[in-house]
C-alpha atoms as a PDB file:
ATOM      1  CA  MET A   1     -13.604 -11.690  23.433  1.00  0.00           C
ATOM      2  CA  ASN A   2     -11.557 -14.786  22.835  1.00  0.00           C
ATOM      3  CA  PRO A   3      -7.827 -13.841  22.840  1.00  0.00           C
ATOM      4  CA  LYS A   4      -7.033 -16.361  20.099  1.00  0.00           C
ATOM      5  CA  PHE A   5      -9.661 -14.765  17.851  1.00  0.00           C
ATOM      6  CA  LEU A   6      -8.291 -11.280  18.599  1.00  0.00           C
ATOM      7  CA  HIS A   7      -4.749 -12.425  17.879  1.00  0.00           C
ATOM      8  CA  ASN A   8      -5.728 -14.063  14.583  1.00  0.00           C
ATOM      9  CA  LEU A   9      -7.750 -10.988  13.605  1.00  0.00           C
ATOM     10  CA  SER A  10      -4.846  -8.664  14.331  1.00  0.00           C
ATOM     11  CA  LEU A  11      -2.347 -10.900  12.527  1.00  0.00           C
ATOM     12  CA  SER A  12      -4.415 -11.831   9.473  1.00  0.00           C
ATOM     13  CA  LEU A  13      -5.436  -8.272   8.625  1.00  0.00           C
ATOM     14  CA  ILE A  14      -1.829  -7.067   8.696  1.00  0.00           C
ATOM     15  CA  PHE A  15      -0.887 -10.115   6.610  1.00  0.00           C
ATOM     16  CA  PHE A  16      -3.533  -9.010   4.079  1.00  0.00           C
ATOM     17  CA  LEU A  17      -2.000  -5.517   4.037  1.00  0.00           C
ATOM     18  CA  GLY A  18       1.319  -7.135   3.089  1.00  0.00           C
ATOM     19  CA  LEU A  19      -0.353  -9.179   0.356  1.00  0.00           C
ATOM     20  CA  SER A  20      -1.979  -5.999  -0.967  1.00  0.00           C
ATOM     21  CA  GLY A  21       1.439  -4.384  -1.298  1.00  0.00           C
ATOM     22  CA  ILE A  22       2.728  -7.395  -3.216  1.00  0.00           C
ATOM     23  CA  ALA A  23      -0.341  -7.404  -5.487  1.00  0.00           C
ATOM     24  CA  LEU A  24       0.006  -3.681  -6.257  1.00  0.00           C
ATOM     25  CA  GLY A  25       3.688  -4.096  -6.980  1.00  0.00           C
ATOM     26  CA  LEU A  26       3.046  -7.019  -9.306  1.00  0.00           C
ATOM     27  CA  GLY A  27       0.415  -4.962 -11.111  1.00  0.00           C
ATOM     28  CA  TRP A  28       2.946  -2.217 -11.821  1.00  0.00           C
ATOM     29  CA  LEU A  29       5.570  -4.770 -12.847  1.00  0.00           C
ATOM     30  CA  ILE A  30       3.485  -6.741 -15.332  1.00  0.00           C
ATOM     31  CA  SER A  31       1.496  -3.901 -16.893  1.00  0.00           C
ATOM     32  CA  SER A  32       2.902  -2.830 -20.249  1.00  0.00           C
ATOM     33  CA  GLU A  33       1.845   0.772 -19.560  1.00  0.00           C
ATOM     34  CA  PRO A  34       1.586   1.024 -15.756  1.00  0.00           C
ATOM     35  CA  TRP A  35       0.947   4.781 -15.744  1.00  0.00           C
ATOM     36  CA  LEU A  36      -2.398   4.048 -17.401  1.00  0.00           C
ATOM     37  CA  LEU A  37      -3.618   2.078 -14.363  1.00  0.00           C
ATOM     38  CA  ASP A  38      -4.331   5.488 -12.864  1.00  0.00           C
ATOM     39  CA  ARG A  39      -4.776   7.358 -16.129  1.00  0.00           C
ATOM     40  CA  SER A  40      -7.496   9.871 -15.263  1.00  0.00           C
ATOM     41  CA  ALA A  41      -5.878  10.964 -11.995  1.00  0.00           C
ATOM     42  CA  ASN A  42      -2.443  11.242 -13.638  1.00  0.00           C
ATOM     43  CA  GLU A  43      -3.784  13.256 -16.572  1.00  0.00           C
ATOM     44  CA  LYS A  44      -5.676  15.521 -14.201  1.00  0.00           C
ATOM     45  CA  LEU A  45      -2.520  16.096 -12.146  1.00  0.00           C
ATOM     46  CA  LEU A  46      -0.428  16.785 -15.260  1.00  0.00           C
ATOM     47  CA  ASP A  47      -3.201  18.851 -16.872  1.00  0.00           C
ATOM     48  CA  ASN A  48      -2.430  17.051 -20.109  1.00  0.00           C
ATOM     49  CA  SER A  49      -3.330  13.764 -21.775  1.00  0.00           C
ATOM     50  CA  PHE A  50      -0.749  11.036 -22.254  1.00  0.00           C
ATOM     51  CA  SER A  51      -1.481  10.843 -25.972  1.00  0.00           C
ATOM     52  CA  GLU A  52      -0.760  14.569 -26.240  1.00  0.00           C
ATOM     53  CA  MET A  53       2.460  14.255 -24.237  1.00  0.00           C
ATOM     54  CA  PHE A  54       3.694  11.242 -26.210  1.00  0.00           C
ATOM     55  CA  SER A  55       2.960  12.958 -29.534  1.00  0.00           C
ATOM     56  CA  ASP A  56       5.474  15.730 -28.813  1.00  0.00           C
ATOM     57  CA  PRO A  57       8.874  14.738 -30.310  1.00  0.00           C
ATOM     58  CA  ILE A  58      10.761  15.836 -27.197  1.00  0.00           C
ATOM     59  CA  ASN A  59       8.869  13.162 -25.244  1.00  0.00           C
ATOM     60  CA  GLN A  60       9.645  10.273 -27.592  1.00  0.00           C
ATOM     61  CA  ASN A  61      11.274   8.308 -24.740  1.00  0.00           C
ATOM     62  CA  LEU A  62       8.910   9.413 -21.987  1.00  0.00           C
ATOM     63  CA  HIS A  63       7.202   6.016 -21.990  1.00  0.00           C
ATOM     64  CA  LEU A  64      10.553   4.362 -21.171  1.00  0.00           C
ATOM     65  CA  TYR A  65      11.127   6.724 -18.255  1.00  0.00           C
ATOM     66  CA  LEU A  66       7.613   6.207 -16.891  1.00  0.00           C
ATOM     67  CA  THR A  67       7.928   2.440 -17.259  1.00  0.00           C
ATOM     68  CA  MET A  68      11.198   2.487 -15.309  1.00  0.00           C
ATOM     69  CA  LEU A  69       9.674   4.617 -12.526  1.00  0.00           C
ATOM     70  CA  TYR A  70       6.635   2.381 -12.169  1.00  0.00           C
ATOM     71  CA  ARG A  71       8.776  -0.783 -12.243  1.00  0.00           C
ATOM     72  CA  PHE A  72      10.884   0.718  -9.446  1.00  0.00           C
ATOM     73  CA  LEU A  73       7.727   1.553  -7.495  1.00  0.00           C
ATOM     74  CA  GLY A  74       6.452  -1.967  -8.140  1.00  0.00           C
ATOM     75  CA  TRP A  75       9.600  -3.542  -6.717  1.00  0.00           C
ATOM     76  CA  TRP A  76       9.395  -1.275  -3.651  1.00  0.00           C
ATOM     77  CA  MET A  77       5.779  -2.267  -3.062  1.00  0.00           C
ATOM     78  CA  ILE A  78       6.652  -5.944  -3.400  1.00  0.00           C
ATOM     79  CA  GLY A  79       9.566  -5.453  -0.999  1.00  0.00           C
ATOM     80  CA  ILE A  80       7.432  -3.661   1.590  1.00  0.00           C
ATOM     81  CA  GLY A  81       4.733  -6.313   1.311  1.00  0.00           C
ATOM     82  CA  MET A  82       7.287  -9.086   1.743  1.00  0.00           C
ATOM     83  CA  LEU A  83       8.849  -7.335   4.738  1.00  0.00           C
ATOM     84  CA  VAL A  84       5.451  -6.963   6.406  1.00  0.00           C
ATOM     85  CA  ILE A  85       4.627 -10.625   5.810  1.00  0.00           C
ATOM     86  CA  SER A  86       8.088 -11.699   7.000  1.00  0.00           C
ATOM     87  CA  TYR A  87       7.675  -9.657  10.179  1.00  0.00           C
ATOM     88  CA  ILE A  88       4.285 -11.257  10.805  1.00  0.00           C
ATOM     89  CA  ILE A  89       5.679 -14.755  10.284  1.00  0.00           C
ATOM     90  CA  VAL A  90       8.752 -14.191  12.476  1.00  0.00           C
ATOM     91  CA  THR A  91       7.052 -12.405  15.378  1.00  0.00           C
ATOM     92  CA  ARG A  92       3.601 -13.982  15.042  1.00  0.00           C
ATOM     93  CA  MET A  93       2.637 -10.622  16.572  1.00  0.00           C
ATOM     94  CA  GLY A  94       2.715 -12.423  19.888  1.00  0.00           C
ATOM     95  CA  THR A  95       3.804  -9.480  22.008  1.00  0.00           C
ATOM     96  CA  GLU A  96       2.476  -6.009  22.589  1.00  0.00           C
ATOM     97  CA  ILE A  97       5.719  -4.491  21.311  1.00  0.00           C
ATOM     98  CA  SER A  98       5.653  -6.479  18.039  1.00  0.00           C
ATOM     99  CA  ARG A  99       2.076  -5.366  17.387  1.00  0.00           C
ATOM    100  CA  GLY A 100       2.913  -1.797  18.364  1.00  0.00           C
ATOM    101  CA  PHE A 101       5.875  -1.559  16.010  1.00  0.00           C
ATOM    102  CA  ILE A 102       4.094  -2.911  12.943  1.00  0.00           C
ATOM    103  CA  HIS A 103       1.004  -0.803  13.615  1.00  0.00           C
ATOM    104  CA  PHE A 104       3.176   2.305  14.032  1.00  0.00           C
ATOM    105  CA  VAL A 105       5.139   1.685  10.810  1.00  0.00           C
ATOM    106  CA  LEU A 106       1.969   0.979   8.823  1.00  0.00           C
ATOM    107  CA  PHE A 107       0.324   4.065  10.335  1.00  0.00           C
ATOM    108  CA  ILE A 108       3.186   6.218   9.006  1.00  0.00           C
ATOM    109  CA  LEU A 109       3.049   4.554   5.558  1.00  0.00           C
ATOM    110  CA  LEU A 110      -0.732   4.832   5.268  1.00  0.00           C
ATOM    111  CA  THR A 111      -0.731   8.442   6.495  1.00  0.00           C
ATOM    112  CA  GLY A 112       1.887   9.471   3.922  1.00  0.00           C
ATOM    113  CA  THR A 113       0.106   7.610   1.142  1.00  0.00           C
ATOM    114  CA  THR A 114      -3.253   9.137   2.052  1.00  0.00           C
ATOM    115  CA  ILE A 115      -1.844  12.674   2.150  1.00  0.00           C
ATOM    116  CA  ILE A 116      -0.192  12.267  -1.258  1.00  0.00           C
ATOM    117  CA  GLU A 117      -3.349  10.786  -2.761  1.00  0.00           C
ATOM    118  CA  TYR A 118      -5.624  13.521  -1.412  1.00  0.00           C
ATOM    119  CA  ILE A 119      -3.308  16.356  -2.439  1.00  0.00           C
ATOM    120  CA  TYR A 120      -2.158  15.144  -5.846  1.00  0.00           C
ATOM    121  CA  ILE A 121      -4.438  12.406  -7.164  1.00  0.00           C
ATOM    122  CA  SER A 122      -7.738  12.732  -5.327  1.00  0.00           C
ATOM    123  CA  SER A 123      -9.637  11.201  -8.247  1.00  0.00           C
ATOM    124  CA  SER A 124      -7.501   8.055  -8.189  1.00  0.00           C
ATOM    125  CA  PRO A 125      -9.201   4.678  -7.823  1.00  0.00           C
ATOM    126  CA  PHE A 126      -6.274   3.756  -5.559  1.00  0.00           C
ATOM    127  CA  LEU A 127      -7.781   6.053  -2.923  1.00  0.00           C
ATOM    128  CA  VAL A 128     -10.552   3.487  -2.423  1.00  0.00           C
ATOM    129  CA  LEU A 129      -7.923   0.806  -1.817  1.00  0.00           C
ATOM    130  CA  THR A 130      -6.143   3.063   0.670  1.00  0.00           C
ATOM    131  CA  ILE A 131      -9.394   3.591   2.579  1.00  0.00           C
ATOM    132  CA  LEU A 132      -9.900  -0.189   2.664  1.00  0.00           C
ATOM    133  CA  LEU A 133      -6.350  -0.651   3.973  1.00  0.00           C
ATOM    134  CA  TRP A 134      -7.036   1.952   6.686  1.00  0.00           C
ATOM    135  CA  PHE A 135     -10.129  -0.020   7.669  1.00  0.00           C
ATOM    136  CA  LEU A 136      -8.091  -3.236   7.943  1.00  0.00           C
ATOM    137  CA  TRP A 137      -5.406  -1.405   9.917  1.00  0.00           C
ATOM    138  CA  LEU A 138      -7.971   0.048  12.337  1.00  0.00           C
ATOM    139  CA  ILE A 139      -9.554  -3.342  13.037  1.00  0.00           C
ATOM    140  CA  SER A 140      -6.117  -4.913  13.541  1.00  0.00           C
ATOM    141  CA  PHE A 141      -5.082  -2.036  15.818  1.00  0.00           C
ATOM    142  CA  TRP A 142      -8.302  -2.385  17.825  1.00  0.00           C
ATOM    143  CA  ALA A 143      -7.750  -6.152  18.166  1.00  0.00           C
ATOM    144  CA  GLY A 144      -4.181  -5.466  19.323  1.00  0.00           C
ATOM    145  CA  ILE A 145      -5.446  -3.080  22.006  1.00  0.00           C
ATOM    146  CA  GLN A 146      -7.979  -5.673  23.153  1.00  0.00           C
ATOM    147  CA  LEU A 147      -5.175  -8.244  23.381  1.00  0.00           C
ATOM    148  CA  LYS A 148      -3.387  -6.092  25.984  1.00  0.00           C
ATOM    149  CA  LYS A 149      -5.869  -7.468  28.512  1.00  0.00           C
ATOM    150  CA  TYR A 150      -4.444 -10.952  27.947  1.00  0.00           C
ATOM    151  CA  ASP A 151      -0.733 -10.096  27.611  1.00  0.00           C
ATOM    152  CA  GLY A 152       1.730 -10.908  30.282  1.00  0.00           C
END
């Protein structure tokens, strides 16, 4: 295969992973009730509906707490996405070690995310996104391995 094509494939798919992180983070930041983006999975995990929880007087400020948690998560996702994109721009993934490091870090992040989703929120629509991100990661990783033939 053409090394330029392999390089662009490896780079662009990781870039898209970074953009996905930013998009998810923005979704949690701009949603007025971000916990409802994954309502069915959250209610299944909690074994209770949000309307039932919010109706209890002791939980009158629960929505504020949940909003704060999801905003925090949103900022972390934006930060991770921006770091991934920054790394791609700075390194251009032009060396085996730069590709290896980003693939390793994303492998750890995707593995942890997948485990949490399967254990706690297996009915979440975000699981489909995670599977798509794994697919992008695998193609990028494969392209990076193919590029080893042309390194050096």
